[in-house]
Amino acid sequence: MLPFVPWTIRPRPPAPARDGLAWLEAVYRQEGDKVYRYALALSGDPALAADATHEAFVALAQAPAAYDAAQGPVGAYLAGIARHALLAAWRLRD
């Protein structure tokens, strides 16, 4: 019987520098569609999902230091912001 071998823990690669437009553009290209699809699945409204996605990336552009890579992936961070933007929009509608 083979002994239990836990998953290999690999150190995270260093996070790219969060200065300038290049980093934000790379994040947008990698995560933009995913964040939009998540917001669309939650809202069912393409316009509202686009607005929530926009809000998420504006928040990241305004305060890139607020994202902590140790807490999780940037896509999850952006999805959380989009979810909160959707909740705020729904509160204003009611």
C-alpha atoms as a PDB file:
ATOM      1  CA  MET A   1       0.000   0.000   0.000  1.00  0.00           C
ATOM      2  CA  LEU A   2       1.296   3.408  -0.942  1.00  0.00           C
ATOM      3  CA  PRO A   3       1.545   6.005   1.802  1.00  0.00           C
ATOM      4  CA  PHE A   4      -0.704   9.014   1.563  1.00  0.00           C
ATOM      5  CA  VAL A   5       1.036  11.769  -0.339  1.00  0.00           C
ATOM      6  CA  PRO A   6      -0.550  15.185   0.055  1.00  0.00           C
ATOM      7  CA  TRP A   7      -0.771  17.569  -2.839  1.00  0.00           C
ATOM      8  CA  THR A   8       2.440  19.291  -3.594  1.00  0.00           C
ATOM      9  CA  ILE A   9       2.328  22.816  -2.313  1.00  0.00           C
ATOM     10  CA  ARG A  10       3.908  25.110  -4.818  1.00  0.00           C
ATOM     11  CA  PRO A  11       4.749  28.683  -3.950  1.00  0.00           C
ATOM     12  CA  ARG A  12       2.656  31.225  -5.750  1.00  0.00           C
ATOM     13  CA  PRO A  13       4.410  33.059  -8.525  1.00  0.00           C
ATOM     14  CA  PRO A  14       5.123  36.667  -7.701  1.00  0.00           C
ATOM     15  CA  ALA A  15       2.223  38.927  -8.497  1.00  0.00           C
ATOM     16  CA  PRO A  16       2.775  41.243 -11.437  1.00  0.00           C
ATOM     17  CA  ALA A  17       3.416  44.857 -10.602  1.00  0.00           C
ATOM     18  CA  ARG A  18       0.130  46.643 -10.200  1.00  0.00           C
ATOM     19  CA  ASP A  19       1.334  49.868 -11.643  1.00  0.00           C
ATOM     20  CA  GLY A  20       0.129  51.203 -14.893  1.00  0.00           C
ATOM     21  CA  LEU A  21      -2.320  50.265 -17.528  1.00  0.00           C
ATOM     22  CA  ALA A  22      -0.524  47.114 -18.690  1.00  0.00           C
ATOM     23  CA  TRP A  23      -1.438  45.183 -15.547  1.00  0.00           C
ATOM     24  CA  LEU A  24      -5.063  46.297 -15.649  1.00  0.00           C
ATOM     25  CA  GLU A  25      -5.314  45.428 -19.341  1.00  0.00           C
ATOM     26  CA  ALA A  26      -3.875  41.952 -18.712  1.00  0.00           C
ATOM     27  CA  VAL A  27      -6.363  41.353 -15.906  1.00  0.00           C
ATOM     28  CA  TYR A  28      -9.226  42.588 -18.075  1.00  0.00           C
ATOM     29  CA  ARG A  29      -8.255  40.313 -20.962  1.00  0.00           C
ATOM     30  CA  GLN A  30      -7.967  37.338 -18.621  1.00  0.00           C
ATOM     31  CA  GLU A  31     -10.956  37.903 -16.345  1.00  0.00           C
ATOM     32  CA  GLY A  32     -13.349  40.315 -18.081  1.00  0.00           C
ATOM     33  CA  ASP A  33     -15.477  37.699 -19.839  1.00  0.00           C
ATOM     34  CA  LYS A  34     -15.657  35.522 -16.742  1.00  0.00           C
ATOM     35  CA  VAL A  35     -16.762  38.380 -14.498  1.00  0.00           C
ATOM     36  CA  TYR A  36     -19.378  39.437 -17.065  1.00  0.00           C
ATOM     37  CA  ARG A  37     -20.755  35.897 -17.405  1.00  0.00           C
ATOM     38  CA  TYR A  38     -20.946  35.603 -13.613  1.00  0.00           C
ATOM     39  CA  ALA A  39     -22.832  38.894 -13.333  1.00  0.00           C
ATOM     40  CA  LEU A  40     -25.109  37.870 -16.206  1.00  0.00           C
ATOM     41  CA  ALA A  41     -25.877  34.546 -14.523  1.00  0.00           C
ATOM     42  CA  LEU A  42     -26.811  36.382 -11.339  1.00  0.00           C
ATOM     43  CA  SER A  43     -28.854  39.154 -12.915  1.00  0.00           C
ATOM     44  CA  GLY A  44     -30.223  37.752 -16.172  1.00  0.00           C
ATOM     45  CA  ASP A  45     -29.893  41.289 -17.560  1.00  0.00           C
ATOM     46  CA  PRO A  46     -27.058  41.934 -20.047  1.00  0.00           C
ATOM     47  CA  ALA A  47     -27.026  45.692 -19.435  1.00  0.00           C
ATOM     48  CA  LEU A  48     -26.936  45.298 -15.673  1.00  0.00           C
ATOM     49  CA  ALA A  49     -24.207  42.655 -15.965  1.00  0.00           C
ATOM     50  CA  ALA A  50     -22.125  44.977 -18.161  1.00  0.00           C
ATOM     51  CA  ASP A  51     -22.537  47.804 -15.640  1.00  0.00           C
ATOM     52  CA  ALA A  52     -21.519  45.548 -12.748  1.00  0.00           C
ATOM     53  CA  THR A  53     -18.460  44.330 -14.668  1.00  0.00           C
ATOM     54  CA  HIS A  54     -17.533  47.910 -15.428  1.00  0.00           C
ATOM     55  CA  GLU A  55     -17.882  48.854 -11.761  1.00  0.00           C
ATOM     56  CA  ALA A  56     -15.610  45.977 -10.762  1.00  0.00           C
ATOM     57  CA  PHE A  57     -12.810  47.026 -13.093  1.00  0.00           C
ATOM     58  CA  VAL A  58     -13.158  50.701 -12.207  1.00  0.00           C
ATOM     59  CA  ALA A  59     -12.824  49.770  -8.536  1.00  0.00           C
ATOM     60  CA  LEU A  60      -9.704  47.740  -9.308  1.00  0.00           C
ATOM     61  CA  ALA A  61      -8.224  50.592 -11.366  1.00  0.00           C
ATOM     62  CA  GLN A  62      -8.912  53.134  -8.617  1.00  0.00           C
ATOM     63  CA  ALA A  63      -7.503  51.028  -5.787  1.00  0.00           C
ATOM     64  CA  PRO A  64      -5.270  48.216  -7.062  1.00  0.00           C
ATOM     65  CA  ALA A  65      -3.679  47.843  -3.624  1.00  0.00           C
ATOM     66  CA  ALA A  66      -7.054  46.771  -2.212  1.00  0.00           C
ATOM     67  CA  TYR A  67      -6.663  43.433  -3.993  1.00  0.00           C
ATOM     68  CA  ASP A  68      -4.615  41.011  -1.894  1.00  0.00           C
ATOM     69  CA  ALA A  69      -3.344  38.017  -3.868  1.00  0.00           C
ATOM     70  CA  ALA A  70      -2.969  36.051  -0.626  1.00  0.00           C
ATOM     71  CA  GLN A  71      -6.747  36.185  -0.178  1.00  0.00           C
ATOM     72  CA  GLY A  72      -7.534  34.570  -3.532  1.00  0.00           C
ATOM     73  CA  PRO A  73      -7.478  35.026  -7.290  1.00  0.00           C
ATOM     74  CA  VAL A  74      -8.163  38.393  -8.875  1.00  0.00           C
ATOM     75  CA  GLY A  75     -11.171  36.960 -10.729  1.00  0.00           C
ATOM     76  CA  ALA A  76     -12.884  36.102  -7.466  1.00  0.00           C
ATOM     77  CA  TYR A  77     -12.118  39.582  -6.145  1.00  0.00           C
ATOM     78  CA  LEU A  78     -13.672  41.166  -9.231  1.00  0.00           C
ATOM     79  CA  ALA A  79     -16.690  38.843  -9.102  1.00  0.00           C
ATOM     80  CA  GLY A  80     -17.292  39.927  -5.517  1.00  0.00           C
ATOM     81  CA  ILE A  81     -17.227  43.580  -6.499  1.00  0.00           C
ATOM     82  CA  ALA A  82     -19.597  42.876  -9.408  1.00  0.00           C
ATOM     83  CA  ARG A  83     -21.958  41.029  -7.066  1.00  0.00           C
ATOM     84  CA  HIS A  84     -22.011  43.984  -4.691  1.00  0.00           C
ATOM     85  CA  ALA A  85     -22.659  46.330  -7.623  1.00  0.00           C
ATOM     86  CA  LEU A  86     -25.627  44.177  -8.633  1.00  0.00           C
ATOM     87  CA  LEU A  87     -26.973  44.200  -5.093  1.00  0.00           C
ATOM     88  CA  ALA A  88     -26.700  47.998  -4.972  1.00  0.00           C
ATOM     89  CA  ALA A  89     -28.507  48.316  -8.305  1.00  0.00           C
ATOM     90  CA  TRP A  90     -31.297  46.026  -7.135  1.00  0.00           C
ATOM     91  CA  ARG A  91     -31.700  48.041  -3.932  1.00  0.00           C
ATOM     92  CA  LEU A  92     -32.078  51.233  -5.950  1.00  0.00           C
ATOM     93  CA  ARG A  93     -34.739  49.654  -8.160  1.00  0.00           C
ATOM     94  CA  ASP A  94     -36.950  48.664  -5.252  1.00  0.00           C
END
